[in-house]
Amino acid sequence: MEAQNEHAAGPLRDIPDARRQPRFKLAVDIRIGTKTCGVLQGHTVDISESGISALLRLEVPVGEFVELQFTLPFGPVTVYAVVRQRNAFRYGFQFVESPAVHEIIQNTCRSLKVEQSLFGDK
């Protein structure tokens, strides 16, 4: 049975990352407004044009619609998102379309791409 499990797990490591946009490291404070948990404070891990991940101390249900507030180099951002995944204390949020905010996030990702490629961060 263990040999089967090892063999079955092998191909999973070979599956390419299917994200739509690359992620960039981003460590800033984030405020999450939820209906079920009230207002939570957290810290971001990374960002892409379609979402952001953050570390939270309290549980937020996957699928919940939330309001995110954080500050990027191009200014403060308030955006709505959906909780898409949870792994221990790390949460993945998918942004809900907002053209004005999307431009700020897109500019930040472009800037982080250049900065992190120059300094070798991935």
PDB file of N, CA and C in Angstrom:
ATOM      1  N   MET A   1       0.819  -1.191   0.000  1.00  0.00           N
ATOM      2  CA  MET A   1       0.000   0.000   0.000  1.00  0.00           C
ATOM      3  C   MET A   1       0.866   1.259   0.000  1.00  0.00           C
ATOM      4  N   GLU A   2       1.952   1.293   0.802  1.00  0.00           N
ATOM      5  CA  GLU A   2       2.810   2.470   0.834  1.00  0.00           C
ATOM      6  C   GLU A   2       3.448   2.721  -0.514  1.00  0.00           C
ATOM      7  N   ALA A   3       3.852   1.648  -1.218  1.00  0.00           N
ATOM      8  CA  ALA A   3       4.450   1.816  -2.538  1.00  0.00           C
ATOM      9  C   ALA A   3       3.447   2.457  -3.491  1.00  0.00           C
ATOM     10  N   GLN A   4       2.173   2.069  -3.382  1.00  0.00           N
ATOM     11  CA  GLN A   4       1.143   2.657  -4.228  1.00  0.00           C
ATOM     12  C   GLN A   4       0.999   4.148  -3.933  1.00  0.00           C
ATOM     13  N   ASN A   5       0.994   4.499  -2.663  1.00  0.00           N
ATOM     14  CA  ASN A   5       0.843   5.899  -2.290  1.00  0.00           C
ATOM     15  C   ASN A   5       2.026   6.740  -2.771  1.00  0.00           C
ATOM     16  N   GLU A   6       3.251   6.195  -2.668  1.00  0.00           N
ATOM     17  CA  GLU A   6       4.413   6.930  -3.135  1.00  0.00           C
ATOM     18  C   GLU A   6       4.324   7.144  -4.638  1.00  0.00           C
ATOM     19  N   HIS A   7       3.930   6.099  -5.360  1.00  0.00           N
ATOM     20  CA  HIS A   7       3.822   6.194  -6.813  1.00  0.00           C
ATOM     21  C   HIS A   7       2.722   7.177  -7.202  1.00  0.00           C
ATOM     22  N   ALA A   8       1.618   7.147  -6.504  1.00  0.00           N
ATOM     23  CA  ALA A   8       0.498   8.023  -6.818  1.00  0.00           C
ATOM     24  C   ALA A   8       0.862   9.482  -6.534  1.00  0.00           C
ATOM     25  N   ALA A   9       1.681   9.724  -5.522  1.00  0.00           N
ATOM     26  CA  ALA A   9       2.040  11.094  -5.176  1.00  0.00           C
ATOM     27  C   ALA A   9       3.093  11.661  -6.121  1.00  0.00           C
ATOM     28  N   GLY A  10       3.884  10.811  -6.748  1.00  0.00           N
ATOM     29  CA  GLY A  10       4.949  11.247  -7.636  1.00  0.00           C
ATOM     30  C   GLY A  10       4.493  12.170  -8.743  1.00  0.00           C
ATOM     31  N   PRO A  11       3.505  11.798  -9.541  1.00  0.00           N
ATOM     32  CA  PRO A  11       3.088  12.651 -10.651  1.00  0.00           C
ATOM     33  C   PRO A  11       2.550  14.013 -10.205  1.00  0.00           C
ATOM     34  N   LEU A  12       2.045  14.121  -8.985  1.00  0.00           N
ATOM     35  CA  LEU A  12       1.516  15.402  -8.523  1.00  0.00           C
ATOM     36  C   LEU A  12       2.603  16.460  -8.453  1.00  0.00           C
ATOM     37  N   ARG A  13       3.825  16.057  -8.151  1.00  0.00           N
ATOM     38  CA  ARG A  13       4.928  17.007  -8.084  1.00  0.00           C
ATOM     39  C   ARG A  13       5.289  17.547  -9.463  1.00  0.00           C
ATOM     40  N   ASP A  14       4.934  16.828 -10.513  1.00  0.00           N
ATOM     41  CA  ASP A  14       5.280  17.215 -11.869  1.00  0.00           C
ATOM     42  C   ASP A  14       4.238  18.102 -12.529  1.00  0.00           C
ATOM     43  N   ILE A  15       3.120  18.357 -11.864  1.00  0.00           N
ATOM     44  CA  ILE A  15       2.066  19.185 -12.433  1.00  0.00           C
ATOM     45  C   ILE A  15       2.523  20.638 -12.394  1.00  0.00           C
ATOM     46  N   PRO A  16       2.508  21.331 -13.546  1.00  0.00           N
ATOM     47  CA  PRO A  16       2.943  22.730 -13.551  1.00  0.00           C
ATOM     48  C   PRO A  16       1.968  23.629 -12.804  1.00  0.00           C
ATOM     49  N   ASP A  17       2.469  24.760 -12.343  1.00  0.00           N
ATOM     50  CA  ASP A  17       1.648  25.755 -11.668  1.00  0.00           C
ATOM     51  C   ASP A  17       0.710  26.366 -12.694  1.00  0.00           C
ATOM     52  N   ALA A  18      -0.601  26.236 -12.479  1.00  0.00           N
ATOM     53  CA  ALA A  18      -1.590  26.661 -13.469  1.00  0.00           C
ATOM     54  C   ALA A  18      -2.173  28.042 -13.172  1.00  0.00           C
ATOM     55  N   ARG A  19      -1.491  28.850 -12.387  1.00  0.00           N
ATOM     56  CA  ARG A  19      -2.021  30.175 -12.083  1.00  0.00           C
ATOM     57  C   ARG A  19      -2.021  31.047 -13.331  1.00  0.00           C
ATOM     58  N   ARG A  20      -2.978  31.959 -13.377  1.00  0.00           N
ATOM     59  CA  ARG A  20      -3.097  32.852 -14.531  1.00  0.00           C
ATOM     60  C   ARG A  20      -1.998  33.901 -14.563  1.00  0.00           C
ATOM     61  N   GLN A  21      -1.615  34.425 -13.409  1.00  0.00           N
ATOM     62  CA  GLN A  21      -0.566  35.438 -13.329  1.00  0.00           C
ATOM     63  C   GLN A  21       0.480  35.028 -12.302  1.00  0.00           C
ATOM     64  N   PRO A  22       1.712  35.486 -12.492  1.00  0.00           N
ATOM     65  CA  PRO A  22       2.757  35.166 -11.504  1.00  0.00           C
ATOM     66  C   PRO A  22       2.508  35.885 -10.185  1.00  0.00           C
ATOM     67  N   ARG A  23       3.040  35.297  -9.128  1.00  0.00           N
ATOM     68  CA  ARG A  23       2.944  35.890  -7.796  1.00  0.00           C
ATOM     69  C   ARG A  23       4.234  36.621  -7.479  1.00  0.00           C
ATOM     70  N   PHE A  24       4.099  37.671  -6.657  1.00  0.00           N
ATOM     71  CA  PHE A  24       5.250  38.452  -6.230  1.00  0.00           C
ATOM     72  C   PHE A  24       5.183  38.633  -4.724  1.00  0.00           C
ATOM     73  N   LYS A  25       6.335  38.514  -4.071  1.00  0.00           N
ATOM     74  CA  LYS A  25       6.373  38.690  -2.618  1.00  0.00           C
ATOM     75  C   LYS A  25       5.895  40.084  -2.254  1.00  0.00           C
ATOM     76  N   LEU A  26       5.077  40.146  -1.231  1.00  0.00           N
ATOM     77  CA  LEU A  26       4.571  41.420  -0.727  1.00  0.00           C
ATOM     78  C   LEU A  26       4.249  41.236   0.747  1.00  0.00           C
ATOM     79  N   ALA A  27       4.950  41.966   1.592  1.00  0.00           N
ATOM     80  CA  ALA A  27       4.748  41.850   3.037  1.00  0.00           C
ATOM     81  C   ALA A  27       4.251  43.186   3.586  1.00  0.00           C
ATOM     82  N   VAL A  28       2.927  43.316   3.679  1.00  0.00           N
ATOM     83  CA  VAL A  28       2.304  44.522   4.247  1.00  0.00           C
ATOM     84  C   VAL A  28       1.154  44.081   5.142  1.00  0.00           C
ATOM     85  N   ASP A  29       0.734  44.980   6.021  1.00  0.00           N
ATOM     86  CA  ASP A  29      -0.425  44.703   6.856  1.00  0.00           C
ATOM     87  C   ASP A  29      -1.682  44.727   5.989  1.00  0.00           C
ATOM     88  N   ILE A  30      -2.663  43.900   6.356  1.00  0.00           N
ATOM     89  CA  ILE A  30      -3.922  43.841   5.619  1.00  0.00           C
ATOM     90  C   ILE A  30      -5.071  43.783   6.622  1.00  0.00           C
ATOM     91  N   ARG A  31      -6.155  44.437   6.276  1.00  0.00           N
ATOM     92  CA  ARG A  31      -7.379  44.441   7.095  1.00  0.00           C
ATOM     93  C   ARG A  31      -8.451  43.725   6.282  1.00  0.00           C
ATOM     94  N   ILE A  32      -9.087  42.746   6.883  1.00  0.00           N
ATOM     95  CA  ILE A  32     -10.100  41.946   6.200  1.00  0.00           C
ATOM     96  C   ILE A  32     -11.441  42.146   6.892  1.00  0.00           C
ATOM     97  N   GLY A  33     -12.400  42.659   6.158  1.00  0.00           N
ATOM     98  CA  GLY A  33     -13.751  42.830   6.686  1.00  0.00           C
ATOM     99  C   GLY A  33     -14.609  41.655   6.249  1.00  0.00           C
ATOM    100  N   THR A  34     -15.140  40.915   7.234  1.00  0.00           N
ATOM    101  CA  THR A  34     -15.956  39.736   6.941  1.00  0.00           C
ATOM    102  C   THR A  34     -17.318  39.860   7.613  1.00  0.00           C
ATOM    103  N   LYS A  35     -18.291  39.138   7.079  1.00  0.00           N
ATOM    104  CA  LYS A  35     -19.619  39.113   7.703  1.00  0.00           C
ATOM    105  C   LYS A  35     -19.639  38.165   8.896  1.00  0.00           C
ATOM    106  N   THR A  36     -18.904  37.057   8.795  1.00  0.00           N
ATOM    107  CA  THR A  36     -18.959  36.052   9.853  1.00  0.00           C
ATOM    108  C   THR A  36     -18.000  36.303  11.009  1.00  0.00           C
ATOM    109  N   CYS A  37     -16.869  36.974  10.748  1.00  0.00           N
ATOM    110  CA  CYS A  37     -15.843  37.144  11.777  1.00  0.00           C
ATOM    111  C   CYS A  37     -15.574  38.587  12.160  1.00  0.00           C
ATOM    112  N   GLY A  38     -16.262  39.525  11.531  1.00  0.00           N
ATOM    113  CA  GLY A  38     -15.979  40.933  11.798  1.00  0.00           C
ATOM    114  C   GLY A  38     -14.731  41.377  11.063  1.00  0.00           C
ATOM    115  N   VAL A  39     -13.984  42.283  11.679  1.00  0.00           N
ATOM    116  CA  VAL A  39     -12.774  42.813  11.054  1.00  0.00           C
ATOM    117  C   VAL A  39     -11.561  42.073  11.615  1.00  0.00           C
ATOM    118  N   LEU A  40     -10.723  41.583  10.710  1.00  0.00           N
ATOM    119  CA  LEU A  40      -9.516  40.845  11.089  1.00  0.00           C
ATOM    120  C   LEU A  40      -8.284  41.576  10.588  1.00  0.00           C
ATOM    121  N   GLN A  41      -7.193  41.414  11.295  1.00  0.00           N
ATOM    122  CA  GLN A  41      -5.906  41.953  10.872  1.00  0.00           C
ATOM    123  C   GLN A  41      -5.023  40.788  10.455  1.00  0.00           C
ATOM    124  N   GLY A  42      -4.239  41.000   9.413  1.00  0.00           N
ATOM    125  CA  GLY A  42      -3.327  39.969   8.949  1.00  0.00           C
ATOM    126  C   GLY A  42      -2.103  40.590   8.315  1.00  0.00           C
ATOM    127  N   HIS A  43      -1.325  39.740   7.647  1.00  0.00           N
ATOM    128  CA  HIS A  43      -0.098  40.173   6.989  1.00  0.00           C
ATOM    129  C   HIS A  43       0.001  39.446   5.653  1.00  0.00           C
ATOM    130  N   THR A  44       0.217  40.187   4.577  1.00  0.00           N
ATOM    131  CA  THR A  44       0.266  39.568   3.257  1.00  0.00           C
ATOM    132  C   THR A  44       1.547  38.774   3.052  1.00  0.00           C
ATOM    133  N   VAL A  45       1.457  37.820   2.123  1.00  0.00           N
ATOM    134  CA  VAL A  45       2.604  36.992   1.756  1.00  0.00           C
ATOM    135  C   VAL A  45       3.026  37.302   0.329  1.00  0.00           C
ATOM    136  N   ASP A  46       2.044  37.290  -0.576  1.00  0.00           N
ATOM    137  CA  ASP A  46       2.326  37.597  -1.969  1.00  0.00           C
ATOM    138  C   ASP A  46       1.081  38.123  -2.659  1.00  0.00           C
ATOM    139  N   ILE A  47       1.292  38.639  -3.887  1.00  0.00           N
ATOM    140  CA  ILE A  47       0.209  39.238  -4.655  1.00  0.00           C
ATOM    141  C   ILE A  47       0.376  38.881  -6.124  1.00  0.00           C
ATOM    142  N   SER A  48      -0.742  38.798  -6.825  1.00  0.00           N
ATOM    143  CA  SER A  48      -0.750  38.693  -8.277  1.00  0.00           C
ATOM    144  C   SER A  48      -1.840  39.634  -8.767  1.00  0.00           C
ATOM    145  N   GLU A  49      -2.001  39.734 -10.075  1.00  0.00           N
ATOM    146  CA  GLU A  49      -3.046  40.609 -10.595  1.00  0.00           C
ATOM    147  C   GLU A  49      -4.442  40.092 -10.264  1.00  0.00           C
ATOM    148  N   SER A  50      -4.562  38.802  -9.960  1.00  0.00           N
ATOM    149  CA  SER A  50      -5.885  38.236  -9.696  1.00  0.00           C
ATOM    150  C   SER A  50      -6.171  37.957  -8.229  1.00  0.00           C
ATOM    151  N   GLY A  51      -5.164  38.093  -7.357  1.00  0.00           N
ATOM    152  CA  GLY A  51      -5.425  37.801  -5.955  1.00  0.00           C
ATOM    153  C   GLY A  51      -4.246  38.072  -5.056  1.00  0.00           C
ATOM    154  N   ILE A  52      -4.455  37.775  -3.782  1.00  0.00           N
ATOM    155  CA  ILE A  52      -3.441  38.027  -2.759  1.00  0.00           C
ATOM    156  C   ILE A  52      -3.540  36.927  -1.705  1.00  0.00           C
ATOM    157  N   SER A  53      -2.414  36.593  -1.089  1.00  0.00           N
ATOM    158  CA  SER A  53      -2.465  35.644   0.021  1.00  0.00           C
ATOM    159  C   SER A  53      -2.023  36.363   1.289  1.00  0.00           C
ATOM    160  N   ALA A  54      -2.576  35.902   2.399  1.00  0.00           N
ATOM    161  CA  ALA A  54      -2.285  36.546   3.679  1.00  0.00           C
ATOM    162  C   ALA A  54      -2.328  35.531   4.805  1.00  0.00           C
ATOM    163  N   LEU A  55      -1.594  35.841   5.847  1.00  0.00           N
ATOM    164  CA  LEU A  55      -1.611  35.034   7.062  1.00  0.00           C
ATOM    165  C   LEU A  55      -2.589  35.668   8.036  1.00  0.00           C
ATOM    166  N   LEU A  56      -3.524  34.855   8.539  1.00  0.00           N
ATOM    167  CA  LEU A  56      -4.534  35.319   9.489  1.00  0.00           C
ATOM    168  C   LEU A  56      -4.519  34.428  10.718  1.00  0.00           C
ATOM    169  N   ARG A  57      -4.883  34.984  11.845  1.00  0.00           N
ATOM    170  CA  ARG A  57      -4.926  34.209  13.089  1.00  0.00           C
ATOM    171  C   ARG A  57      -6.270  33.540  13.323  1.00  0.00           C
ATOM    172  N   LEU A  58      -7.324  34.077  12.707  1.00  0.00           N
ATOM    173  CA  LEU A  58      -8.662  33.517  12.885  1.00  0.00           C
ATOM    174  C   LEU A  58      -9.160  32.926  11.579  1.00  0.00           C
ATOM    175  N   GLU A  59     -10.056  31.979  11.678  1.00  0.00           N
ATOM    176  CA  GLU A  59     -10.568  31.276  10.504  1.00  0.00           C
ATOM    177  C   GLU A  59     -11.653  32.073   9.790  1.00  0.00           C
ATOM    178  N   VAL A  60     -11.512  32.166   8.475  1.00  0.00           N
ATOM    179  CA  VAL A  60     -12.517  32.772   7.608  1.00  0.00           C
ATOM    180  C   VAL A  60     -12.999  31.668   6.670  1.00  0.00           C
ATOM    181  N   PRO A  61     -14.312  31.486   6.531  1.00  0.00           N
ATOM    182  CA  PRO A  61     -14.817  30.401   5.683  1.00  0.00           C
ATOM    183  C   PRO A  61     -14.438  30.578   4.210  1.00  0.00           C
ATOM    184  N   VAL A  62     -13.981  29.494   3.593  1.00  0.00           N
ATOM    185  CA  VAL A  62     -13.708  29.491   2.163  1.00  0.00           C
ATOM    186  C   VAL A  62     -15.022  29.767   1.442  1.00  0.00           C
ATOM    187  N   GLY A  63     -14.977  30.623   0.447  1.00  0.00           N
ATOM    188  CA  GLY A  63     -16.166  31.006  -0.301  1.00  0.00           C
ATOM    189  C   GLY A  63     -16.787  32.303   0.165  1.00  0.00           C
ATOM    190  N   GLU A  64     -16.341  32.822   1.314  1.00  0.00           N
ATOM    191  CA  GLU A  64     -16.923  34.067   1.824  1.00  0.00           C
ATOM    192  C   GLU A  64     -16.436  35.273   1.021  1.00  0.00           C
ATOM    193  N   PHE A  65     -17.321  36.220   0.815  1.00  0.00           N
ATOM    194  CA  PHE A  65     -17.053  37.480   0.149  1.00  0.00           C
ATOM    195  C   PHE A  65     -16.535  38.442   1.215  1.00  0.00           C
ATOM    196  N   VAL A  66     -15.361  39.067   0.991  1.00  0.00           N
ATOM    197  CA  VAL A  66     -14.735  39.926   1.998  1.00  0.00           C
ATOM    198  C   VAL A  66     -14.276  41.249   1.387  1.00  0.00           C
ATOM    199  N   GLU A  67     -14.009  42.212   2.260  1.00  0.00           N
ATOM    200  CA  GLU A  67     -13.419  43.475   1.832  1.00  0.00           C
ATOM    201  C   GLU A  67     -11.984  43.507   2.349  1.00  0.00           C
ATOM    202  N   LEU A  68     -11.037  43.789   1.460  1.00  0.00           N
ATOM    203  CA  LEU A  68      -9.623  43.840   1.820  1.00  0.00           C
ATOM    204  C   LEU A  68      -9.135  45.280   1.756  1.00  0.00           C
ATOM    205  N   GLN A  69      -8.341  45.667   2.752  1.00  0.00           N
ATOM    206  CA  GLN A  69      -7.722  46.980   2.755  1.00  0.00           C
ATOM    207  C   GLN A  69      -6.244  46.808   3.056  1.00  0.00           C
ATOM    208  N   PHE A  70      -5.402  47.312   2.155  1.00  0.00           N
ATOM    209  CA  PHE A  70      -3.961  47.231   2.335  1.00  0.00           C
ATOM    210  C   PHE A  70      -3.324  48.362   1.545  1.00  0.00           C
ATOM    211  N   THR A  71      -2.032  48.600   1.772  1.00  0.00           N
ATOM    212  CA  THR A  71      -1.339  49.683   1.103  1.00  0.00           C
ATOM    213  C   THR A  71      -0.249  49.124   0.202  1.00  0.00           C
ATOM    214  N   LEU A  72      -0.262  49.603  -1.046  1.00  0.00           N
ATOM    215  CA  LEU A  72       0.749  49.229  -2.031  1.00  0.00           C
ATOM    216  C   LEU A  72       1.647  50.428  -2.278  1.00  0.00           C
ATOM    217  N   PRO A  73       2.784  50.225  -2.948  1.00  0.00           N
ATOM    218  CA  PRO A  73       3.661  51.367  -3.249  1.00  0.00           C
ATOM    219  C   PRO A  73       2.948  52.475  -4.036  1.00  0.00           C
ATOM    220  N   PHE A  74       1.897  52.125  -4.784  1.00  0.00           N
ATOM    221  CA  PHE A  74       1.171  53.115  -5.572  1.00  0.00           C
ATOM    222  C   PHE A  74      -0.031  53.684  -4.826  1.00  0.00           C
ATOM    223  N   GLY A  75      -0.207  53.303  -3.565  1.00  0.00           N
ATOM    224  CA  GLY A  75      -1.275  53.883  -2.768  1.00  0.00           C
ATOM    225  C   GLY A  75      -2.109  52.854  -2.029  1.00  0.00           C
ATOM    226  N   PRO A  76      -3.017  53.342  -1.166  1.00  0.00           N
ATOM    227  CA  PRO A  76      -3.899  52.445  -0.413  1.00  0.00           C
ATOM    228  C   PRO A  76      -4.935  51.805  -1.345  1.00  0.00           C
ATOM    229  N   VAL A  77      -5.319  50.588  -1.009  1.00  0.00           N
ATOM    230  CA  VAL A  77      -6.262  49.825  -1.825  1.00  0.00           C
ATOM    231  C   VAL A  77      -7.379  49.289  -0.947  1.00  0.00           C
ATOM    232  N   THR A  78      -8.602  49.427  -1.426  1.00  0.00           N
ATOM    233  CA  THR A  78      -9.750  48.742  -0.845  1.00  0.00           C
ATOM    234  C   THR A  78     -10.379  47.973  -1.992  1.00  0.00           C
ATOM    235  N   VAL A  79     -10.463  46.655  -1.836  1.00  0.00           N
ATOM    236  CA  VAL A  79     -10.962  45.811  -2.914  1.00  0.00           C
ATOM    237  C   VAL A  79     -11.772  44.664  -2.318  1.00  0.00           C
ATOM    238  N   TYR A  80     -12.743  44.211  -3.064  1.00  0.00           N
ATOM    239  CA  TYR A  80     -13.522  43.050  -2.634  1.00  0.00           C
ATOM    240  C   TYR A  80     -12.896  41.791  -3.200  1.00  0.00           C
ATOM    241  N   ALA A  81     -13.056  40.706  -2.467  1.00  0.00           N
ATOM    242  CA  ALA A  81     -12.455  39.446  -2.875  1.00  0.00           C
ATOM    243  C   ALA A  81     -13.286  38.291  -2.323  1.00  0.00           C
ATOM    244  N   VAL A  82     -12.972  37.112  -2.822  1.00  0.00           N
ATOM    245  CA  VAL A  82     -13.584  35.884  -2.346  1.00  0.00           C
ATOM    246  C   VAL A  82     -12.473  35.017  -1.767  1.00  0.00           C
ATOM    247  N   VAL A  83     -12.733  34.416  -0.606  1.00  0.00           N
ATOM    248  CA  VAL A  83     -11.767  33.499  -0.009  1.00  0.00           C
ATOM    249  C   VAL A  83     -11.788  32.228  -0.851  1.00  0.00           C
ATOM    250  N   ARG A  84     -10.691  31.924  -1.522  1.00  0.00           N
ATOM    251  CA  ARG A  84     -10.637  30.767  -2.422  1.00  0.00           C
ATOM    252  C   ARG A  84      -9.985  29.545  -1.813  1.00  0.00           C
ATOM    253  N   GLN A  85      -9.043  29.763  -0.899  1.00  0.00           N
ATOM    254  CA  GLN A  85      -8.385  28.601  -0.299  1.00  0.00           C
ATOM    255  C   GLN A  85      -7.813  28.936   1.069  1.00  0.00           C
ATOM    256  N   ARG A  86      -7.564  27.869   1.806  1.00  0.00           N
ATOM    257  CA  ARG A  86      -6.976  28.005   3.137  1.00  0.00           C
ATOM    258  C   ARG A  86      -6.027  26.840   3.356  1.00  0.00           C
ATOM    259  N   ASN A  87      -4.833  27.154   3.845  1.00  0.00           N
ATOM    260  CA  ASN A  87      -3.862  26.132   4.202  1.00  0.00           C
ATOM    261  C   ASN A  87      -3.271  26.569   5.539  1.00  0.00           C
ATOM    262  N   ALA A  88      -3.734  25.938   6.613  1.00  0.00           N
ATOM    263  CA  ALA A  88      -3.365  26.330   7.982  1.00  0.00           C
ATOM    264  C   ALA A  88      -3.782  27.783   8.203  1.00  0.00           C
ATOM    265  N   PHE A  89      -2.829  28.688   8.403  1.00  0.00           N
ATOM    266  CA  PHE A  89      -3.155  30.092   8.663  1.00  0.00           C
ATOM    267  C   PHE A  89      -3.020  30.969   7.417  1.00  0.00           C
ATOM    268  N   ARG A  90      -2.664  30.351   6.290  1.00  0.00           N
ATOM    269  CA  ARG A  90      -2.491  31.095   5.032  1.00  0.00           C
ATOM    270  C   ARG A  90      -3.762  31.004   4.191  1.00  0.00           C
ATOM    271  N   TYR A  91      -4.240  32.164   3.771  1.00  0.00           N
ATOM    272  CA  TYR A  91      -5.477  32.249   2.980  1.00  0.00           C
ATOM    273  C   TYR A  91      -5.182  32.830   1.607  1.00  0.00           C
ATOM    274  N   GLY A  92      -5.906  32.332   0.614  1.00  0.00           N
ATOM    275  CA  GLY A  92      -5.821  32.874  -0.732  1.00  0.00           C
ATOM    276  C   GLY A  92      -7.113  33.594  -1.066  1.00  0.00           C
ATOM    277  N   PHE A  93      -7.001  34.845  -1.503  1.00  0.00           N
ATOM    278  CA  PHE A  93      -8.157  35.663  -1.857  1.00  0.00           C
ATOM    279  C   PHE A  93      -8.112  35.980  -3.347  1.00  0.00           C
ATOM    280  N   GLN A  94      -9.229  35.805  -4.019  1.00  0.00           N
ATOM    281  CA  GLN A  94      -9.331  36.167  -5.425  1.00  0.00           C
ATOM    282  C   GLN A  94     -10.073  37.493  -5.521  1.00  0.00           C
ATOM    283  N   PHE A  95      -9.433  38.468  -6.178  1.00  0.00           N
ATOM    284  CA  PHE A  95     -10.050  39.780  -6.316  1.00  0.00           C
ATOM    285  C   PHE A  95     -11.307  39.704  -7.170  1.00  0.00           C
ATOM    286  N   VAL A  96     -12.290  40.535  -6.804  1.00  0.00           N
ATOM    287  CA  VAL A  96     -13.482  40.725  -7.612  1.00  0.00           C
ATOM    288  C   VAL A  96     -13.183  41.932  -8.497  1.00  0.00           C
ATOM    289  N   GLU A  97     -13.541  41.851  -9.759  1.00  0.00           N
ATOM    290  CA  GLU A  97     -13.194  42.899 -10.719  1.00  0.00           C
ATOM    291  C   GLU A  97     -13.552  44.296 -10.230  1.00  0.00           C
ATOM    292  N   SER A  98     -12.572  45.168 -10.326  1.00  0.00           N
ATOM    293  CA  SER A  98     -12.734  46.588 -10.000  1.00  0.00           C
ATOM    294  C   SER A  98     -11.704  47.329 -10.848  1.00  0.00           C
ATOM    295  N   PRO A  99     -12.101  47.930 -11.977  1.00  0.00           N
ATOM    296  CA  PRO A  99     -11.142  48.536 -12.901  1.00  0.00           C
ATOM    297  C   PRO A  99     -10.181  49.537 -12.269  1.00  0.00           C
ATOM    298  N   ALA A 100     -10.652  50.397 -11.398  1.00  0.00           N
ATOM    299  CA  ALA A 100      -9.777  51.407 -10.785  1.00  0.00           C
ATOM    300  C   ALA A 100      -8.715  50.752  -9.904  1.00  0.00           C
ATOM    301  N   VAL A 101      -9.117  49.808  -9.096  1.00  0.00           N
ATOM    302  CA  VAL A 101      -8.180  49.125  -8.199  1.00  0.00           C
ATOM    303  C   VAL A 101      -7.276  48.197  -9.003  1.00  0.00           C
ATOM    304  N   HIS A 102      -7.815  47.589 -10.038  1.00  0.00           N
ATOM    305  CA  HIS A 102      -7.027  46.662 -10.857  1.00  0.00           C
ATOM    306  C   HIS A 102      -5.791  47.363 -11.431  1.00  0.00           C
ATOM    307  N   GLU A 103      -5.924  48.612 -11.840  1.00  0.00           N
ATOM    308  CA  GLU A 103      -4.782  49.341 -12.402  1.00  0.00           C
ATOM    309  C   GLU A 103      -3.681  49.526 -11.356  1.00  0.00           C
ATOM    310  N   ILE A 104      -4.052  49.838 -10.122  1.00  0.00           N
ATOM    311  CA  ILE A 104      -3.062  49.991  -9.043  1.00  0.00           C
ATOM    312  C   ILE A 104      -2.363  48.656  -8.778  1.00  0.00           C
ATOM    313  N   ILE A 105      -3.130  47.581  -8.724  1.00  0.00           N
ATOM    314  CA  ILE A 105      -2.559  46.262  -8.465  1.00  0.00           C
ATOM    315  C   ILE A 105      -1.656  45.836  -9.623  1.00  0.00           C
ATOM    316  N   GLN A 106      -2.098  46.078 -10.851  1.00  0.00           N
ATOM    317  CA  GLN A 106      -1.313  45.734 -12.035  1.00  0.00           C
ATOM    318  C   GLN A 106       0.021  46.500 -12.036  1.00  0.00           C
ATOM    319  N   ASN A 107      -0.008  47.795 -11.742  1.00  0.00           N
ATOM    320  CA  ASN A 107       1.222  48.591 -11.683  1.00  0.00           C
ATOM    321  C   ASN A 107       2.154  48.086 -10.590  1.00  0.00           C
ATOM    322  N   THR A 108       1.590  47.701  -9.455  1.00  0.00           N
ATOM    323  CA  THR A 108       2.402  47.162  -8.361  1.00  0.00           C
ATOM    324  C   THR A 108       3.071  45.854  -8.783  1.00  0.00           C
ATOM    325  N   CYS A 109       2.317  44.961  -9.406  1.00  0.00           N
ATOM    326  CA  CYS A 109       2.888  43.680  -9.845  1.00  0.00           C
ATOM    327  C   CYS A 109       4.006  43.902 -10.852  1.00  0.00           C
ATOM    328  N   ARG A 110       3.832  44.843 -11.767  1.00  0.00           N
ATOM    329  CA  ARG A 110       4.894  45.156 -12.739  1.00  0.00           C
ATOM    330  C   ARG A 110       6.142  45.664 -12.032  1.00  0.00           C
ATOM    331  N   SER A 111       5.947  46.548 -11.074  1.00  0.00           N
ATOM    332  CA  SER A 111       7.069  47.094 -10.319  1.00  0.00           C
ATOM    333  C   SER A 111       7.777  46.003  -9.508  1.00  0.00           C
ATOM    334  N   LEU A 112       7.002  45.144  -8.839  1.00  0.00           N
ATOM    335  CA  LEU A 112       7.591  44.049  -8.055  1.00  0.00           C
ATOM    336  C   LEU A 112       8.316  43.058  -8.939  1.00  0.00           C
ATOM    337  N   LYS A 113       7.805  42.822 -10.140  1.00  0.00           N
ATOM    338  CA  LYS A 113       8.455  41.904 -11.079  1.00  0.00           C
ATOM    339  C   LYS A 113       9.855  42.403 -11.411  1.00  0.00           C
ATOM    340  N   VAL A 114       9.959  43.675 -11.722  1.00  0.00           N
ATOM    341  CA  VAL A 114      11.258  44.260 -12.045  1.00  0.00           C
ATOM    342  C   VAL A 114      12.165  44.223 -10.819  1.00  0.00           C
ATOM    343  N   GLU A 115      11.655  44.692  -9.688  1.00  0.00           N
ATOM    344  CA  GLU A 115      12.449  44.749  -8.459  1.00  0.00           C
ATOM    345  C   GLU A 115      12.933  43.367  -8.048  1.00  0.00           C
ATOM    346  N   GLN A 116      12.046  42.377  -8.053  1.00  0.00           N
ATOM    347  CA  GLN A 116      12.416  41.045  -7.574  1.00  0.00           C
ATOM    348  C   GLN A 116      13.293  40.313  -8.584  1.00  0.00           C
ATOM    349  N   SER A 117      13.198  40.636  -9.878  1.00  0.00           N
ATOM    350  CA  SER A 117      14.074  40.004 -10.856  1.00  0.00           C
ATOM    351  C   SER A 117      15.485  40.590 -10.748  1.00  0.00           C
ATOM    352  N   LEU A 118      15.597  41.868 -10.383  1.00  0.00           N
ATOM    353  CA  LEU A 118      16.898  42.497 -10.218  1.00  0.00           C
ATOM    354  C   LEU A 118      17.645  41.958  -8.997  1.00  0.00           C
ATOM    355  N   PHE A 119      16.878  41.669  -7.931  1.00  0.00           N
ATOM    356  CA  PHE A 119      17.488  41.215  -6.689  1.00  0.00           C
ATOM    357  C   PHE A 119      17.423  39.705  -6.503  1.00  0.00           C
ATOM    358  N   GLY A 120      16.885  38.984  -7.483  1.00  0.00           N
ATOM    359  CA  GLY A 120      16.868  37.529  -7.437  1.00  0.00           C
ATOM    360  C   GLY A 120      15.813  36.904  -6.569  1.00  0.00           C
ATOM    361  N   ASP A 121      14.845  37.667  -6.039  1.00  0.00           N
ATOM    362  CA  ASP A 121      13.769  37.087  -5.232  1.00  0.00           C
ATOM    363  C   ASP A 121      12.766  36.444  -6.167  1.00  0.00           C
ATOM    364  N   LYS A 122      12.222  35.315  -5.748  1.00  0.00           N
ATOM    365  CA  LYS A 122      11.165  34.658  -6.534  1.00  0.00           C
ATOM    366  C   LYS A 122       9.995  34.346  -5.665  1.00  0.00           C
TER     367      LYS A 122
END
